[in-house]
């Protein structure tokens, strides 16, 4: 497993983390060429982290650490590429941290 480099935190005048109005979007998807699960930024297409297994990537705290302190929305796909669900980090940013895609 590779972890992303440290990212600079955005702090407000009181020293608390300040979040952008729109969270960065990421996708965790299987890459058959590398036989690994890859977390990529949807806007840039840049790979953020790579994992041997999906279970390893979705284990407690791993994705949260990968998206960094600014947080983000992670779409998790199945092995065949179809949408499975979406997670938002940090959890308090949006209600419904884990929700099925295409659902209410």
Protein backbone atom coordinates (compact mmCIF):
# COMPACT_ATOMS: atom_id res chain seq x y z
CA UNK A 1 0.00 0.00 0.00
CA UNK A 2 1.26 3.46 -0.79
CA UNK A 3 0.07 6.54 1.05
CA UNK A 4 -0.24 10.01 -0.38
CA UNK A 5 2.22 12.72 0.50
CA UNK A 6 1.34 15.12 3.31
CA UNK A 7 -1.01 17.88 2.21
CA UNK A 8 -1.10 21.37 3.63
CA UNK A 9 -4.07 22.03 5.88
CA UNK A 10 -6.24 25.05 5.26
CA UNK A 11 -6.64 26.79 8.61
CA UNK A 12 -8.97 29.65 9.45
CA UNK A 13 -7.94 32.56 11.70
CA UNK A 14 -8.85 30.56 14.84
CA UNK A 15 -6.55 27.72 13.76
CA UNK A 16 -9.38 25.31 12.92
CA UNK A 17 -9.53 23.37 9.66
CA UNK A 18 -11.48 25.21 7.01
CA UNK A 19 -13.09 23.15 4.26
CA UNK A 20 -13.80 24.25 0.69
CA UNK A 21 -17.47 24.60 -0.24
CA UNK A 22 -17.17 21.69 -2.67
CA UNK A 23 -15.29 18.59 -1.63
CA UNK A 24 -12.71 17.05 -3.93
CA UNK A 25 -14.03 13.90 -5.63
CA UNK A 26 -12.16 10.61 -5.81
CA UNK A 27 -12.86 7.14 -7.21
CA UNK A 28 -11.61 3.80 -5.89
CA UNK A 29 -11.52 1.49 -8.89
CA UNK A 30 -9.86 -1.79 -9.90
CA UNK A 31 -7.10 -1.56 -12.51
CA UNK A 32 -6.70 -4.93 -14.31
CA UNK A 33 -3.36 -3.88 -15.85
CA UNK A 34 -1.74 -3.47 -12.43
CA UNK A 35 -4.01 -5.95 -10.59
CA UNK A 36 -4.50 -3.30 -7.88
CA UNK A 37 -7.22 -1.03 -6.50
CA UNK A 38 -6.42 2.61 -7.23
CA UNK A 39 -7.72 5.79 -5.62
CA UNK A 40 -7.70 8.62 -8.16
CA UNK A 41 -8.74 12.26 -8.17
CA UNK A 42 -11.73 12.55 -10.56
CA UNK A 43 -10.83 16.06 -11.70
CA UNK A 44 -7.16 15.46 -12.50
CA UNK A 45 -7.13 11.69 -13.05
CA UNK A 46 -4.02 11.55 -10.85
CA UNK A 47 -3.61 8.40 -8.76
CA UNK A 48 -3.50 9.22 -5.05
CA UNK A 49 -2.91 5.72 -3.62
CA UNK A 50 -2.79 2.08 -4.68
CA UNK A 51 -3.89 -1.00 -2.71
CA UNK A 52 -3.49 -4.76 -3.17
CA UNK A 53 -7.11 -5.47 -2.20
CA UNK A 54 -10.38 -3.60 -1.99
CA UNK A 55 -10.76 -4.77 1.62
CA UNK A 56 -7.37 -3.24 2.40
CA UNK A 57 -8.39 0.07 0.85
CA UNK A 58 -11.72 0.27 2.66
CA UNK A 59 -10.41 -0.84 6.05
CA UNK A 60 -11.07 1.61 8.88
CA UNK A 61 -9.27 4.93 8.38
CA UNK A 62 -7.35 4.06 5.21
CA UNK A 63 -9.39 6.13 2.73
CA UNK A 64 -9.74 8.97 5.21
CA UNK A 65 -5.95 9.14 5.52
CA UNK A 66 -5.55 8.98 1.75
CA UNK A 67 -7.86 11.94 1.00
CA UNK A 68 -6.13 14.04 3.67
CA UNK A 69 -7.32 16.60 6.21
CA UNK A 70 -9.32 18.61 3.66
CA UNK A 71 -11.53 15.56 3.11
CA UNK A 72 -13.32 14.45 0.03
CA UNK A 73 -16.02 12.30 -1.49
CA UNK A 74 -14.94 8.79 -2.54
CA UNK A 75 -16.96 6.71 -5.02
CA UNK A 76 -16.25 3.03 -4.52
CA UNK A 77 -16.74 0.77 -7.52
CA UNK A 78 -17.12 -3.00 -7.82
CA UNK A 79 -14.65 -5.26 -9.61
CA UNK A 80 -16.62 -4.90 -12.88
CA UNK A 81 -16.60 -1.08 -12.61
CA UNK A 82 -20.21 -0.54 -11.59
CA UNK A 83 -20.97 1.88 -8.77
CA UNK A 84 -21.20 0.36 -5.30
CA UNK A 85 -21.40 3.26 -2.81
CA UNK A 86 -19.92 6.59 -1.82
CA UNK A 87 -18.19 7.76 1.36
CA UNK A 88 -17.58 11.32 2.53
CA UNK A 89 -14.64 12.35 4.72
CA UNK A 90 -14.73 13.83 7.23
CA UNK A 91 -18.10 12.38 8.17
CA UNK A 92 -19.45 15.62 9.58
CA UNK A 93 -19.15 17.36 6.20
CA UNK A 94 -22.29 15.84 4.72
CA UNK A 95 -25.10 13.78 6.18
CA UNK A 96 -25.23 10.18 5.08
CA UNK A 97 -21.55 9.32 5.07
CA UNK A 98 -22.14 5.99 3.34
CA UNK A 99 -24.89 5.91 0.76
CA UNK A 100 -25.67 3.71 -2.22
CA UNK A 101 -25.15 5.41 -5.57
CA UNK A 102 -28.37 6.09 -7.42
CA UNK A 103 -30.39 5.79 -4.19
CA UNK A 104 -32.32 8.39 -2.22
